[in-house]
Protein backbone atom coordinates (compact mmCIF):
# COMPACT_ATOMS: atom_id res chain seq x y z
CA MET A 1 144.05 71.21 29.76
CA ALA A 2 147.73 72.25 30.88
CA ASN A 3 147.07 71.74 34.63
CA TRP A 4 144.01 69.65 35.62
CA GLU A 5 144.38 69.49 39.55
CA ALA A 6 144.21 73.49 39.33
CA SER A 7 140.83 73.13 38.11
CA CYS A 8 139.68 70.65 40.74
CA ARG A 9 138.41 71.64 44.09
CA ILE A 10 140.36 68.64 45.82
CA SER A 11 143.67 68.05 46.19
CA ARG A 12 144.64 64.10 46.68
CA VAL A 13 146.21 63.19 49.89
CA GLU A 14 147.79 60.17 50.41
CA GLN A 15 147.25 57.73 52.62
CA GLU A 16 150.14 56.91 55.13
CA ASP A 17 148.45 53.56 56.87
CA ARG A 18 147.32 50.35 55.60
CA PHE A 19 143.60 50.87 56.56
CA GLY A 20 144.19 54.95 56.29
CA CYS A 21 141.99 55.73 53.36
CA GLY A 22 139.01 57.16 55.67
CA VAL A 23 142.05 59.34 57.05
CA ALA A 24 143.04 60.64 53.82
CA CYS A 25 139.37 61.28 52.61
CA LEU A 26 139.04 63.04 55.87
CA ALA A 27 142.30 65.40 55.09
CA MET A 28 141.16 65.98 51.41
CA ILE A 29 137.58 67.19 52.41
CA ALA A 30 138.55 69.30 55.23
CA GLY A 31 141.85 70.97 53.40
CA ILE A 32 144.34 69.31 56.04
CA THR A 33 146.87 67.58 56.20
CA TYR A 34 147.19 63.77 57.18
CA ALA A 35 148.84 64.28 60.09
CA GLU A 36 146.15 66.64 61.28
CA ALA A 37 143.51 64.13 60.40
CA ARG A 38 145.45 61.15 61.99
CA LEU A 39 145.29 63.06 65.13
CA THR A 40 141.28 63.76 64.89
CA LEU A 41 141.10 60.12 64.43
CA LEU A 42 143.21 59.50 67.42
CA ARG A 43 141.11 61.97 69.71
CA TYR A 44 138.27 59.79 68.84
CA GLY A 45 140.01 56.41 69.80
CA LEU A 46 140.15 55.07 66.02
CA GLY A 47 143.69 55.05 65.88
CA SER A 48 143.79 51.42 67.68
CA ASP A 49 142.28 48.03 67.57
CA GLN A 50 141.58 48.62 70.89
CA ARG A 51 137.78 49.12 72.50
CA ARG A 52 136.71 48.64 68.80
CA ASN A 53 136.17 44.84 68.85
CA GLY A 54 139.23 44.24 66.67
CA LYS A 55 138.81 46.84 63.83
CA LYS A 56 142.19 47.65 62.40
CA PRO A 57 143.72 50.95 63.48
CA PHE A 58 142.38 54.03 61.52
CA SER A 59 139.77 51.99 59.70
CA THR A 60 136.66 54.07 59.43
CA ASN A 61 132.99 53.37 59.16
CA PHE A 62 130.30 55.59 58.11
CA THR A 63 129.39 56.56 61.27
CA GLU A 64 133.01 57.27 62.36
CA LEU A 65 133.92 59.31 58.93
CA MET A 66 130.80 61.21 59.16
CA LEU A 67 131.94 62.22 62.86
CA VAL A 68 135.63 62.97 62.18
CA LEU A 69 134.14 65.41 59.35
CA ALA A 70 131.77 67.27 61.43
CA GLU A 71 134.10 68.01 63.51
CA HIS A 72 136.01 69.78 60.68
CA GLY A 73 132.77 71.95 60.15
CA LYS A 74 131.48 69.34 57.36
CA ASP A 75 127.56 68.74 56.81
CA THR A 76 127.65 65.15 55.56
CA THR A 77 124.13 63.26 54.41
CA LYS A 78 124.66 59.12 53.97
CA LYS A 79 122.64 58.51 50.17
CA GLN A 80 122.18 55.25 48.81
CA TRP A 81 124.67 54.73 45.76
CA LYS A 82 122.16 54.99 42.31
CA GLY A 83 125.08 55.17 39.79
CA TRP A 84 127.27 57.82 38.71
CA ASP A 85 124.21 59.82 36.78
CA GLN A 86 122.87 60.22 40.09
CA PHE A 87 126.39 61.55 41.55
CA GLU A 88 126.27 65.45 42.36
CA GLY A 89 128.78 67.96 44.36
CA ILE A 90 131.74 66.11 46.16
CA GLY A 91 131.43 63.01 48.18
CA ILE A 92 133.10 60.15 49.51
CA ILE A 93 132.15 56.99 47.82
CA LYS A 94 132.88 53.39 48.88
CA VAL A 95 134.08 51.21 46.26
CA ARG A 96 135.35 47.58 46.04
CA CYS A 97 139.08 47.16 46.61
CA ALA A 98 139.33 45.56 43.19
CA PRO A 99 137.00 44.88 40.12
CA GLY A 100 134.58 42.00 41.16
CA ALA A 101 136.06 42.00 44.96
CA PRO A 102 133.59 40.84 47.61
CA GLN A 103 131.37 43.36 49.01
CA ASN A 104 132.84 43.20 52.89
CA SER A 105 136.11 43.95 50.61
CA TRP A 106 135.87 48.26 50.38
CA HIS A 107 137.74 51.26 50.58
CA TRP A 108 136.86 54.86 50.66
CA VAL A 109 138.18 57.49 47.55
CA VAL A 110 136.58 61.35 47.27
CA ALA A 111 134.85 62.11 44.29
CA GLU A 112 134.33 65.27 42.89
CA GLN A 113 131.80 66.83 40.08
CA HIS A 114 133.81 68.54 37.49
CA SER A 115 132.56 70.42 34.50
CA LEU A 116 135.12 69.03 32.26
CA PHE A 117 136.01 65.67 33.22
CA GLY A 118 132.45 64.57 34.27
CA VAL A 119 133.47 62.90 37.58
CA VAL A 120 137.20 63.53 39.15
CA ILE A 121 138.20 60.12 41.63
CA HIS A 122 140.98 60.94 44.03
CA ASP A 123 142.16 57.85 45.43
CA PRO A 124 144.11 57.65 48.47
CA ASP A 125 145.86 54.47 47.80
CA PHE A 126 146.62 54.91 44.17
CA PRO A 127 148.89 57.70 42.57
CA LEU A 128 147.13 57.86 39.16
CA PRO A 129 143.90 60.22 38.61
CA CYS A 130 141.03 58.95 37.60
CA PHE A 131 138.28 60.92 35.00
CA GLN A 132 135.02 59.80 34.00
CA ARG A 133 135.32 61.09 30.23
CA GLN A 134 137.87 63.57 28.58
CA GLN A 135 141.07 62.80 30.16
CA PRO A 136 143.74 65.63 29.83
CA GLU A 137 146.38 64.88 27.22
CA ASP A 138 149.85 63.45 28.60
CA VAL A 139 148.15 62.45 32.02
CA ALA A 140 148.54 58.46 32.82
CA CYS A 141 145.32 57.55 34.28
CA HIS A 142 143.50 54.75 36.22
CA PRO A 143 140.41 53.46 34.35
CA PHE A 144 137.23 54.59 35.45
CA ASP A 145 135.45 51.75 35.53
CA ASN A 146 137.80 50.01 38.10
CA TYR A 147 136.27 51.84 40.63
CA GLU A 148 132.82 49.86 41.48
CA PRO A 149 130.81 51.41 44.21
CA HIS A 150 128.10 49.92 46.01
CA GLY A 151 125.90 50.40 49.11
CA CYS A 152 125.76 53.89 50.51
CA TRP A 153 127.89 56.86 49.68
CA ILE A 154 128.69 60.24 51.93
CA SER A 155 127.78 63.30 50.14
CA ILE A 156 129.29 66.54 51.62
CA VAL A 157 126.46 69.05 51.84
CA ASN A 158 128.85 72.20 52.91
CA ARG A 159 132.23 72.62 52.08
CA GLY A 160 132.43 75.91 53.96
């Protein structure tokens, strides 16, 4: 496939803040820029550690991320992770920061079901794409097995 990116529903957005994976995932799902997504989090007071019990600026949990997605017209459902064979549609997946990392060390990525590649993972903190199966020729990829989802994930119910 000459231009695999054109076959995807999601365009990858790179995170610009150390804990900005949620910001970038919001941007990818909402179809906005990182700067616009960052402003949304700032409006909700999620851009500083003040009044957040020391949480890192722009870090997000499920409730916060689902709240800012709703502001951009996205209906979401929090689902228990049951494996890639149960994944469908588009979602924000909670993955371990590195294979074998502790459960409290996690990161947000966007995943989309794809007719040719199975699942495509768009990682806001890693520039290479990731494909579940049949990667495009001449495209450097991140190994699919390096993404270890756990806990719950956010299913995007309405992308309209």
